[in-house]
Amino acid sequence: KDPIEGREIYLSKIDGIIYGDSPAQGYARGRVFSHPELRFRFEVPQGF
């Protein structure tokens, strides 16, 4: 009769969740991959 939607509680639960890559996985942003825990980075050429 009154189906559950639960938007407000759901958004409160995912507020602050990591979006995209995590520190343990390293970050692929644009053409640069950086790994904060292993402490290295490299860049791929234009067009990749």
All heavy atoms as atom14 arrays in JSON, in Angstrom:
{
  "sequence": "KDPIEGREIYLSKIDGIIYGDSPAQGYARGRVFSHPELRFRFEVPQGF",
  "atom14_mask": [
    [1, 1, 1, 1, 1, 1, 1, 1, 1, 0, 0, 0, 0, 0],
    [1, 1, 1, 1, 1, 1, 1, 1, 0, 0, 0, 0, 0, 0],
    [1, 1, 1, 1, 1, 1, 1, 0, 0, 0, 0, 0, 0, 0],
    [1, 1, 1, 1, 1, 1, 1, 1, 0, 0, 0, 0, 0, 0],
    [1, 1, 1, 1, 1, 1, 1, 1, 1, 0, 0, 0, 0, 0],
    [1, 1, 1, 1, 0, 0, 0, 0, 0, 0, 0, 0, 0, 0],
    [1, 1, 1, 1, 1, 1, 1, 1, 1, 1, 1, 0, 0, 0],
    [1, 1, 1, 1, 1, 1, 1, 1, 1, 0, 0, 0, 0, 0],
    [1, 1, 1, 1, 1, 1, 1, 1, 0, 0, 0, 0, 0, 0],
    [1, 1, 1, 1, 1, 1, 1, 1, 1, 1, 1, 1, 0, 0],
    [1, 1, 1, 1, 1, 1, 1, 1, 0, 0, 0, 0, 0, 0],
    [1, 1, 1, 1, 1, 1, 0, 0, 0, 0, 0, 0, 0, 0],
    [1, 1, 1, 1, 1, 1, 1, 1, 1, 0, 0, 0, 0, 0],
    [1, 1, 1, 1, 1, 1, 1, 1, 0, 0, 0, 0, 0, 0],
    [1, 1, 1, 1, 1, 1, 1, 1, 0, 0, 0, 0, 0, 0],
    [1, 1, 1, 1, 0, 0, 0, 0, 0, 0, 0, 0, 0, 0],
    [1, 1, 1, 1, 1, 1, 1, 1, 0, 0, 0, 0, 0, 0],
    [1, 1, 1, 1, 1, 1, 1, 1, 0, 0, 0, 0, 0, 0],
    [1, 1, 1, 1, 1, 1, 1, 1, 1, 1, 1, 1, 0, 0],
    [1, 1, 1, 1, 0, 0, 0, 0, 0, 0, 0, 0, 0, 0],
    [1, 1, 1, 1, 1, 1, 1, 1, 0, 0, 0, 0, 0, 0],
    [1, 1, 1, 1, 1, 1, 0, 0, 0, 0, 0, 0, 0, 0],
    [1, 1, 1, 1, 1, 1, 1, 0, 0, 0, 0, 0, 0, 0],
    [1, 1, 1, 1, 1, 0, 0, 0, 0, 0, 0, 0, 0, 0],
    [1, 1, 1, 1, 1, 1, 1, 1, 1, 0, 0, 0, 0, 0],
    [1, 1, 1, 1, 0, 0, 0, 0, 0, 0, 0, 0, 0, 0],
    [1, 1, 1, 1, 1, 1, 1, 1, 1, 1, 1, 1, 0, 0],
    [1, 1, 1, 1, 1, 0, 0, 0, 0, 0, 0, 0, 0, 0],
    [1, 1, 1, 1, 1, 1, 1, 1, 1, 1, 1, 0, 0, 0],
    [1, 1, 1, 1, 0, 0, 0, 0, 0, 0, 0, 0, 0, 0],
    [1, 1, 1, 1, 1, 1, 1, 1, 1, 1, 1, 0, 0, 0],
    [1, 1, 1, 1, 1, 1, 1, 0, 0, 0, 0, 0, 0, 0],
    [1, 1, 1, 1, 1, 1, 1, 1, 1, 1, 1, 0, 0, 0],
    [1, 1, 1, 1, 1, 1, 0, 0, 0, 0, 0, 0, 0, 0],
    [1, 1, 1, 1, 1, 1, 1, 1, 1, 1, 0, 0, 0, 0],
    [1, 1, 1, 1, 1, 1, 1, 0, 0, 0, 0, 0, 0, 0],
    [1, 1, 1, 1, 1, 1, 1, 1, 1, 0, 0, 0, 0, 0],
    [1, 1, 1, 1, 1, 1, 1, 1, 0, 0, 0, 0, 0, 0],
    [1, 1, 1, 1, 1, 1, 1, 1, 1, 1, 1, 0, 0, 0],
    [1, 1, 1, 1, 1, 1, 1, 1, 1, 1, 1, 0, 0, 0],
    [1, 1, 1, 1, 1, 1, 1, 1, 1, 1, 1, 0, 0, 0],
    [1, 1, 1, 1, 1, 1, 1, 1, 1, 1, 1, 0, 0, 0],
    [1, 1, 1, 1, 1, 1, 1, 1, 1, 0, 0, 0, 0, 0],
    [1, 1, 1, 1, 1, 1, 1, 0, 0, 0, 0, 0, 0, 0],
    [1, 1, 1, 1, 1, 1, 1, 0, 0, 0, 0, 0, 0, 0],
    [1, 1, 1, 1, 1, 1, 1, 1, 1, 0, 0, 0, 0, 0],
    [1, 1, 1, 1, 0, 0, 0, 0, 0, 0, 0, 0, 0, 0],
    [1, 1, 1, 1, 1, 1, 1, 1, 1, 1, 1, 0, 0, 0]
  ],
  "atom14_positions": [
    [[0.83, -1.21, 0.0], [0.0, 0.0, 0.0], [0.86, 1.25, 0.0], [0.62, 2.19, -0.77], [-0.94, -0.01, 1.21], [-1.91, 1.16, 1.23], [-2.87, 1.07, 2.41], [-3.84, 2.24, 2.42], [-4.78, 2.16, 3.58], [0.0, 0.0, 0.0], [0.0, 0.0, 0.0], [0.0, 0.0, 0.0], [0.0, 0.0, 0.0], [0.0, 0.0, 0.0]],
    [[1.84, 1.32, 0.88], [2.76, 2.47, 0.96], [4.18, 1.95, 0.81], [4.88, 1.73, 1.8], [2.59, 3.21, 2.29], [1.22, 3.82, 2.45], [0.8, 4.56, 1.54], [0.56, 3.54, 3.48], [0.0, 0.0, 0.0], [0.0, 0.0, 0.0], [0.0, 0.0, 0.0], [0.0, 0.0, 0.0], [0.0, 0.0, 0.0], [0.0, 0.0, 0.0]],
    [[4.62, 1.75, -0.43], [5.94, 1.13, -0.64], [7.08, 1.98, -0.08], [7.05, 3.21, -0.12], [6.03, 1.01, -2.16], [5.07, 2.02, -2.7], [3.96, 2.09, -1.7], [0.0, 0.0, 0.0], [0.0, 0.0, 0.0], [0.0, 0.0, 0.0], [0.0, 0.0, 0.0], [0.0, 0.0, 0.0], [0.0, 0.0, 0.0], [0.0, 0.0, 0.0]],
    [[8.09, 1.28, 0.42], [9.27, 1.94, 0.99], [10.14, 2.48, -0.13], [10.43, 1.78, -1.1], [10.09, 0.94, 1.83], [9.26, 0.4, 2.99], [11.37, 1.6, 2.35], [9.92, -0.76, 3.71], [0.0, 0.0, 0.0], [0.0, 0.0, 0.0], [0.0, 0.0, 0.0], [0.0, 0.0, 0.0], [0.0, 0.0, 0.0], [0.0, 0.0, 0.0]],
    [[10.57, 3.73, 0.01], [11.55, 4.31, -0.89], [12.88, 4.48, -0.18], [13.92, 4.07, -0.66], [11.06, 5.66, -1.43], [12.0, 6.3, -2.42], [11.47, 7.63, -2.93], [10.59, 7.64, -3.79], [11.97, 8.68, -2.42], [0.0, 0.0, 0.0], [0.0, 0.0, 0.0], [0.0, 0.0, 0.0], [0.0, 0.0, 0.0], [0.0, 0.0, 0.0]],
    [[12.86, 5.09, 0.99], [14.04, 5.18, 1.84], [15.16, 6.05, 1.29], [16.33, 5.74, 1.49], [0.0, 0.0, 0.0], [0.0, 0.0, 0.0], [0.0, 0.0, 0.0], [0.0, 0.0, 0.0], [0.0, 0.0, 0.0], [0.0, 0.0, 0.0], [0.0, 0.0, 0.0], [0.0, 0.0, 0.0], [0.0, 0.0, 0.0], [0.0, 0.0, 0.0]],
    [[14.81, 7.15, 0.62], [15.85, 8.0, 0.03], [16.67, 8.72, 1.1], [17.9, 8.75, 1.04], [15.21, 9.02, -0.92], [16.23, 9.97, -1.56], [15.57, 10.93, -2.54], [16.48, 11.95, -3.01], [17.32, 11.8, -4.04], [17.36, 10.64, -4.68], [18.11, 12.78, -4.42], [0.0, 0.0, 0.0], [0.0, 0.0, 0.0], [0.0, 0.0, 0.0]],
    [[16.0, 9.29, 2.08], [16.71, 10.08, 3.08], [17.7, 9.24, 3.87], [18.86, 9.62, 4.04], [15.7, 10.74, 4.04], [16.34, 11.68, 5.05], [15.32, 12.4, 5.91], [14.12, 12.41, 5.54], [15.71, 12.95, 6.96], [0.0, 0.0, 0.0], [0.0, 0.0, 0.0], [0.0, 0.0, 0.0], [0.0, 0.0, 0.0], [0.0, 0.0, 0.0]],
    [[17.25, 8.08, 4.36], [18.16, 7.25, 5.15], [19.29, 6.71, 4.28], [20.44, 6.61, 4.71], [17.4, 6.1, 5.85], [18.35, 5.34, 6.78], [16.75, 5.16, 4.84], [17.66, 4.31, 7.64], [0.0, 0.0, 0.0], [0.0, 0.0, 0.0], [0.0, 0.0, 0.0], [0.0, 0.0, 0.0], [0.0, 0.0, 0.0], [0.0, 0.0, 0.0]],
    [[18.95, 6.39, 3.03], [19.98, 5.84, 2.14], [21.08, 6.86, 1.88], [22.28, 6.54, 1.98], [19.36, 5.4, 0.81], [20.37, 4.78, -0.13], [20.78, 3.46, 0.06], [20.93, 5.5, -1.18], [21.72, 2.89, -0.79], [21.86, 4.93, -2.03], [22.26, 3.62, -1.82], [23.19, 3.07, -2.65], [0.0, 0.0, 0.0], [0.0, 0.0, 0.0]],
    [[20.71, 8.08, 1.55], [21.72, 9.11, 1.29], [22.56, 9.39, 2.53], [23.77, 9.66, 2.43], [21.04, 10.39, 0.79], [20.41, 10.32, -0.6], [19.77, 11.65, -0.97], [21.43, 9.91, -1.66], [0.0, 0.0, 0.0], [0.0, 0.0, 0.0], [0.0, 0.0, 0.0], [0.0, 0.0, 0.0], [0.0, 0.0, 0.0], [0.0, 0.0, 0.0]],
    [[21.95, 9.31, 3.69], [22.72, 9.53, 4.92], [23.75, 8.42, 5.14], [24.83, 8.66, 5.69], [21.79, 9.62, 6.14], [21.23, 8.35, 6.46], [0.0, 0.0, 0.0], [0.0, 0.0, 0.0], [0.0, 0.0, 0.0], [0.0, 0.0, 0.0], [0.0, 0.0, 0.0], [0.0, 0.0, 0.0], [0.0, 0.0, 0.0], [0.0, 0.0, 0.0]],
    [[23.43, 7.21, 4.69], [24.35, 6.08, 4.87], [25.53, 6.13, 3.89], [26.63, 5.69, 4.23], [23.61, 4.76, 4.71], [22.54, 4.49, 5.77], [23.15, 4.36, 7.15], [22.08, 4.0, 8.18], [22.64, 3.87, 9.55], [0.0, 0.0, 0.0], [0.0, 0.0, 0.0], [0.0, 0.0, 0.0], [0.0, 0.0, 0.0], [0.0, 0.0, 0.0]],
    [[25.3, 6.64, 2.68], [26.4, 6.67, 1.7], [27.11, 8.01, 1.69], [28.09, 8.18, 0.95], [25.9, 6.32, 0.28], [24.93, 7.38, -0.24], [25.28, 4.93, 0.24], [24.62, 7.23, -1.73], [0.0, 0.0, 0.0], [0.0, 0.0, 0.0], [0.0, 0.0, 0.0], [0.0, 0.0, 0.0], [0.0, 0.0, 0.0], [0.0, 0.0, 0.0]],
    [[26.66, 8.97, 2.47], [27.33, 10.26, 2.55], [28.78, 10.06, 3.01], [29.04, 9.45, 4.04], [26.59, 11.17, 3.54], [27.09, 12.61, 3.49], [27.77, 12.98, 2.5], [26.79, 13.37, 4.44], [0.0, 0.0, 0.0], [0.0, 0.0, 0.0], [0.0, 0.0, 0.0], [0.0, 0.0, 0.0], [0.0, 0.0, 0.0], [0.0, 0.0, 0.0]],
    [[29.74, 10.52, 2.22], [31.15, 10.37, 2.56], [31.8, 9.12, 2.02], [33.02, 8.93, 2.21], [0.0, 0.0, 0.0], [0.0, 0.0, 0.0], [0.0, 0.0, 0.0], [0.0, 0.0, 0.0], [0.0, 0.0, 0.0], [0.0, 0.0, 0.0], [0.0, 0.0, 0.0], [0.0, 0.0, 0.0], [0.0, 0.0, 0.0], [0.0, 0.0, 0.0]],
    [[31.06, 8.25, 1.33], [31.65, 7.04, 0.78], [32.68, 7.41, -0.28], [32.54, 8.4, -0.99], [30.54, 6.14, 0.18], [31.08, 4.75, -0.18], [29.93, 6.78, -1.05], [30.0, 3.79, -0.63], [0.0, 0.0, 0.0], [0.0, 0.0, 0.0], [0.0, 0.0, 0.0], [0.0, 0.0, 0.0], [0.0, 0.0, 0.0], [0.0, 0.0, 0.0]],
    [[33.76, 6.63, -0.36], [34.78, 6.88, -1.38], [34.16, 6.7, -2.76], [33.44, 5.74, -3.02], [35.98, 5.93, -1.2], [36.77, 6.32, 0.06], [36.9, 5.97, -2.43], [37.95, 5.42, 0.34], [0.0, 0.0, 0.0], [0.0, 0.0, 0.0], [0.0, 0.0, 0.0], [0.0, 0.0, 0.0], [0.0, 0.0, 0.0], [0.0, 0.0, 0.0]],
    [[34.45, 7.64, -3.64], [33.97, 7.6, -5.02], [35.16, 7.44, -5.94], [36.11, 8.21, -5.89], [33.2, 8.89, -5.36], [32.61, 8.88, -6.75], [31.35, 8.35, -6.97], [33.31, 9.41, -7.83], [30.8, 8.34, -8.25], [32.77, 9.4, -9.11], [31.52, 8.86, -9.31], [30.96, 8.84, -10.56], [0.0, 0.0, 0.0], [0.0, 0.0, 0.0]],
    [[35.14, 6.44, -6.78], [36.28, 6.18, -7.66], [37.35, 5.4, -6.93], [37.07, 4.59, -6.05], [0.0, 0.0, 0.0], [0.0, 0.0, 0.0], [0.0, 0.0, 0.0], [0.0, 0.0, 0.0], [0.0, 0.0, 0.0], [0.0, 0.0, 0.0], [0.0, 0.0, 0.0], [0.0, 0.0, 0.0], [0.0, 0.0, 0.0], [0.0, 0.0, 0.0]],
    [[38.61, 5.64, -7.28], [39.71, 4.86, -6.74], [39.95, 5.16, -5.27], [39.74, 6.28, -4.79], [41.0, 5.16, -7.52], [40.89, 4.79, -8.99], [40.11, 3.88, -9.31], [41.59, 5.42, -9.81], [0.0, 0.0, 0.0], [0.0, 0.0, 0.0], [0.0, 0.0, 0.0], [0.0, 0.0, 0.0], [0.0, 0.0, 0.0], [0.0, 0.0, 0.0]],
    [[40.42, 4.13, -4.55], [40.78, 4.28, -3.14], [42.29, 4.39, -3.01], [43.03, 4.05, -3.94], [40.28, 3.07, -2.34], [41.04, 1.91, -2.68], [0.0, 0.0, 0.0], [0.0, 0.0, 0.0], [0.0, 0.0, 0.0], [0.0, 0.0, 0.0], [0.0, 0.0, 0.0], [0.0, 0.0, 0.0], [0.0, 0.0, 0.0], [0.0, 0.0, 0.0]],
    [[42.8, 4.84, -1.85], [44.25, 4.98, -1.67], [45.0, 3.66, -1.9], [46.09, 3.66, -2.48], [44.39, 5.45, -0.22], [43.1, 6.13, 0.07], [42.05, 5.38, -0.68], [0.0, 0.0, 0.0], [0.0, 0.0, 0.0], [0.0, 0.0, 0.0], [0.0, 0.0, 0.0], [0.0, 0.0, 0.0], [0.0, 0.0, 0.0], [0.0, 0.0, 0.0]],
    [[44.43, 2.55, -1.47], [45.1, 1.26, -1.63], [45.18, 0.83, -3.09], [46.04, 0.03, -3.46], [44.39, 0.19, -0.81], [0.0, 0.0, 0.0], [0.0, 0.0, 0.0], [0.0, 0.0, 0.0], [0.0, 0.0, 0.0], [0.0, 0.0, 0.0], [0.0, 0.0, 0.0], [0.0, 0.0, 0.0], [0.0, 0.0, 0.0], [0.0, 0.0, 0.0]],
    [[44.29, 1.37, -3.92], [44.27, 1.0, -5.34], [45.05, 1.96, -6.21], [45.34, 1.65, -7.37], [42.81, 0.96, -5.82], [41.97, -0.1, -5.11], [40.48, 0.17, -5.22], [40.06, 1.28, -5.57], [39.67, -0.83, -4.92], [0.0, 0.0, 0.0], [0.0, 0.0, 0.0], [0.0, 0.0, 0.0], [0.0, 0.0, 0.0], [0.0, 0.0, 0.0]],
    [[45.41, 3.13, -5.65], [46.03, 4.17, -6.46], [44.98, 4.93, -7.24], [43.82, 4.51, -7.33], [0.0, 0.0, 0.0], [0.0, 0.0, 0.0], [0.0, 0.0, 0.0], [0.0, 0.0, 0.0], [0.0, 0.0, 0.0], [0.0, 0.0, 0.0], [0.0, 0.0, 0.0], [0.0, 0.0, 0.0], [0.0, 0.0, 0.0], [0.0, 0.0, 0.0]],
    [[45.38, 6.07, -7.81], [44.42, 6.95, -8.48], [44.76, 7.11, -9.96], [45.86, 7.5, -10.33], [44.44, 8.34, -7.84], [44.19, 8.34, -6.35], [45.15, 8.86, -5.48], [43.02, 7.83, -5.81], [44.94, 8.86, -4.1], [42.8, 7.83, -4.45], [43.77, 8.34, -3.6], [43.55, 8.33, -2.24], [0.0, 0.0, 0.0], [0.0, 0.0, 0.0]],
    [[43.79, 6.79, -10.81], [43.9, 7.05, -12.24], [43.1, 8.3, -12.54], [41.87, 8.27, -12.55], [43.39, 5.86, -13.04], [0.0, 0.0, 0.0], [0.0, 0.0, 0.0], [0.0, 0.0, 0.0], [0.0, 0.0, 0.0], [0.0, 0.0, 0.0], [0.0, 0.0, 0.0], [0.0, 0.0, 0.0], [0.0, 0.0, 0.0], [0.0, 0.0, 0.0]],
    [[43.78, 9.4, -12.77], [43.13, 10.68, -13.0], [43.73, 11.33, -14.24], [44.9, 11.68, -14.26], [43.26, 11.58, -11.77], [42.54, 11.0, -10.56], [42.72, 11.79, -9.3], [41.98, 11.17, -8.2], [42.05, 11.56, -6.93], [42.87, 12.56, -6.59], [41.33, 10.94, -6.0], [0.0, 0.0, 0.0], [0.0, 0.0, 0.0], [0.0, 0.0, 0.0]],
    [[42.86, 11.49, -15.24], [43.35, 11.99, -16.51], [44.3, 10.99, -17.12], [43.99, 9.82, -17.27], [0.0, 0.0, 0.0], [0.0, 0.0, 0.0], [0.0, 0.0, 0.0], [0.0, 0.0, 0.0], [0.0, 0.0, 0.0], [0.0, 0.0, 0.0], [0.0, 0.0, 0.0], [0.0, 0.0, 0.0], [0.0, 0.0, 0.0], [0.0, 0.0, 0.0]],
    [[45.52, 11.44, -17.43], [46.54, 10.56, -18.01], [47.59, 10.15, -16.98], [48.59, 9.53, -17.32], [47.21, 11.25, -19.2], [46.27, 11.48, -20.37], [47.0, 12.01, -21.6], [47.51, 13.38, -21.41], [48.79, 13.71, -21.36], [49.72, 12.77, -21.5], [49.16, 14.96, -21.2], [0.0, 0.0, 0.0], [0.0, 0.0, 0.0], [0.0, 0.0, 0.0]],
    [[47.35, 10.48, -15.7], [48.33, 10.21, -14.65], [47.81, 9.15, -13.69], [46.67, 9.22, -13.22], [48.66, 11.5, -13.86], [49.6, 11.19, -12.7], [49.28, 12.55, -14.78], [0.0, 0.0, 0.0], [0.0, 0.0, 0.0], [0.0, 0.0, 0.0], [0.0, 0.0, 0.0], [0.0, 0.0, 0.0], [0.0, 0.0, 0.0], [0.0, 0.0, 0.0]],
    [[48.67, 8.16, -13.41], [48.38, 7.21, -12.35], [49.34, 7.47, -11.2], [50.56, 7.49, -11.4], [48.53, 5.76, -12.83], [48.25, 4.76, -11.74], [46.95, 4.46, -11.37], [49.3, 4.14, -11.07], [46.68, 3.56, -10.36], [49.04, 3.24, -10.05], [47.74, 2.94, -9.69], [0.0, 0.0, 0.0], [0.0, 0.0, 0.0], [0.0, 0.0, 0.0]],
    [[48.79, 7.65, -9.99], [49.6, 7.91, -8.8], [49.18, 6.94, -7.7], [47.99, 6.68, -7.51], [49.4, 9.34, -8.3], [49.68, 10.28, -9.3], [0.0, 0.0, 0.0], [0.0, 0.0, 0.0], [0.0, 0.0, 0.0], [0.0, 0.0, 0.0], [0.0, 0.0, 0.0], [0.0, 0.0, 0.0], [0.0, 0.0, 0.0], [0.0, 0.0, 0.0]],
    [[50.16, 6.42, -6.99], [49.88, 5.49, -5.89], [50.45, 6.06, -4.6], [51.66, 6.05, -4.39], [50.48, 4.12, -6.18], [49.78, 3.02, -5.45], [49.69, 2.98, -4.07], [49.09, 1.93, -5.9], [49.01, 1.89, -3.71], [48.62, 1.25, -4.8], [0.0, 0.0, 0.0], [0.0, 0.0, 0.0], [0.0, 0.0, 0.0], [0.0, 0.0, 0.0]],
    [[49.58, 6.58, -3.7], [50.08, 7.23, -2.5], [50.74, 6.28, -1.51], [51.62, 6.7, -0.75], [48.82, 7.87, -1.89], [47.68, 7.03, -2.42], [48.11, 6.62, -3.79], [0.0, 0.0, 0.0], [0.0, 0.0, 0.0], [0.0, 0.0, 0.0], [0.0, 0.0, 0.0], [0.0, 0.0, 0.0], [0.0, 0.0, 0.0], [0.0, 0.0, 0.0]],
    [[50.33, 5.02, -1.49], [50.91, 4.09, -0.53], [52.23, 3.5, -1.03], [53.17, 3.32, -0.26], [49.9, 2.97, -0.22], [48.66, 3.48, 0.49], [47.71, 2.37, 0.91], [48.03, 1.18, 0.67], [46.65, 2.67, 1.48], [0.0, 0.0, 0.0], [0.0, 0.0, 0.0], [0.0, 0.0, 0.0], [0.0, 0.0, 0.0], [0.0, 0.0, 0.0]],
    [[52.31, 3.22, -2.32], [53.56, 2.72, -2.9], [54.47, 3.85, -3.37], [55.63, 3.61, -3.73], [53.25, 1.77, -4.06], [52.44, 0.53, -3.7], [52.15, -0.31, -4.95], [53.17, -0.31, -2.67], [0.0, 0.0, 0.0], [0.0, 0.0, 0.0], [0.0, 0.0, 0.0], [0.0, 0.0, 0.0], [0.0, 0.0, 0.0], [0.0, 0.0, 0.0]],
    [[53.93, 5.05, -3.42], [54.67, 6.29, -3.67], [55.4, 6.29, -5.03], [56.62, 6.38, -5.11], [55.66, 6.57, -2.53], [54.98, 7.02, -1.26], [55.93, 7.3, -0.13], [56.97, 8.26, -0.49], [57.96, 8.62, 0.32], [58.04, 8.09, 1.52], [58.86, 9.51, -0.08], [0.0, 0.0, 0.0], [0.0, 0.0, 0.0], [0.0, 0.0, 0.0]],
    [[54.59, 6.2, -6.09], [55.12, 6.39, -7.43], [54.02, 6.95, -8.31], [52.84, 6.95, -7.95], [55.67, 5.07, -8.02], [54.61, 4.04, -8.31], [53.87, 4.08, -9.49], [54.35, 3.02, -7.42], [52.89, 3.14, -9.77], [53.37, 2.07, -7.68], [52.64, 2.13, -8.85], [0.0, 0.0, 0.0], [0.0, 0.0, 0.0], [0.0, 0.0, 0.0]],
    [[54.42, 7.45, -9.47], [53.46, 7.95, -10.45], [54.05, 7.81, -11.84], [55.26, 7.74, -12.03], [53.08, 9.42, -10.18], [54.25, 10.38, -10.08], [54.43, 11.29, -11.26], [53.34, 12.14, -11.57], [53.18, 12.74, -12.74], [54.08, 12.5, -13.7], [52.19, 13.55, -12.99], [0.0, 0.0, 0.0], [0.0, 0.0, 0.0], [0.0, 0.0, 0.0]],
    [[53.17, 7.72, -12.83], [53.59, 7.75, -14.23], [52.47, 8.35, -15.05], [51.33, 8.48, -14.59], [53.99, 6.36, -14.75], [52.87, 5.36, -14.79], [51.98, 5.29, -15.86], [52.7, 4.46, -13.75], [50.96, 4.37, -15.9], [51.67, 3.52, -13.77], [50.8, 3.47, -14.85], [0.0, 0.0, 0.0], [0.0, 0.0, 0.0], [0.0, 0.0, 0.0]],
    [[52.82, 8.74, -16.27], [51.86, 9.4, -17.16], [51.88, 8.72, -18.52], [52.94, 8.39, -19.04], [52.23, 10.88, -17.29], [51.25, 11.71, -18.11], [51.58, 13.19, -18.06], [52.37, 13.59, -17.17], [51.06, 13.95, -18.91], [0.0, 0.0, 0.0], [0.0, 0.0, 0.0], [0.0, 0.0, 0.0], [0.0, 0.0, 0.0], [0.0, 0.0, 0.0]],
    [[50.7, 8.5, -19.08], [50.61, 7.9, -20.41], [50.52, 9.01, -21.46], [50.15, 10.15, -21.14], [49.41, 6.94, -20.52], [49.59, 5.75, -19.59], [48.1, 7.65, -20.24], [0.0, 0.0, 0.0], [0.0, 0.0, 0.0], [0.0, 0.0, 0.0], [0.0, 0.0, 0.0], [0.0, 0.0, 0.0], [0.0, 0.0, 0.0], [0.0, 0.0, 0.0]],
    [[50.86, 8.72, -22.7], [50.9, 9.76, -23.74], [49.51, 10.33, -24.06], [48.47, 9.77, -23.7], [51.48, 9.03, -24.96], [52.21, 7.86, -24.4], [51.42, 7.45, -23.2], [0.0, 0.0, 0.0], [0.0, 0.0, 0.0], [0.0, 0.0, 0.0], [0.0, 0.0, 0.0], [0.0, 0.0, 0.0], [0.0, 0.0, 0.0], [0.0, 0.0, 0.0]],
    [[49.53, 11.46, -24.76], [48.3, 12.08, -25.24], [47.5, 11.08, -26.07], [48.05, 10.28, -26.82], [48.64, 13.29, -26.13], [49.18, 14.49, -25.39], [48.08, 15.32, -24.74], [46.9, 15.03, -24.9], [48.46, 16.36, -24.01], [0.0, 0.0, 0.0], [0.0, 0.0, 0.0], [0.0, 0.0, 0.0], [0.0, 0.0, 0.0], [0.0, 0.0, 0.0]],
    [[46.18, 11.14, -25.9], [45.31, 10.26, -26.66], [44.98, 8.95, -25.96], [44.14, 8.19, -26.43], [0.0, 0.0, 0.0], [0.0, 0.0, 0.0], [0.0, 0.0, 0.0], [0.0, 0.0, 0.0], [0.0, 0.0, 0.0], [0.0, 0.0, 0.0], [0.0, 0.0, 0.0], [0.0, 0.0, 0.0], [0.0, 0.0, 0.0], [0.0, 0.0, 0.0]],
    [[45.63, 8.68, -24.8], [45.35, 7.47, -24.03], [44.52, 7.83, -22.8], [44.67, 8.91, -22.22], [46.64, 6.79, -23.57], [47.32, 5.99, -24.64], [48.1, 6.61, -25.61], [47.18, 4.61, -24.67], [48.73, 5.87, -26.6], [47.82, 3.86, -25.67], [48.59, 4.5, -26.62], [0.0, 0.0, 0.0], [0.0, 0.0, 0.0], [0.0, 0.0, 0.0]]
  ]
}
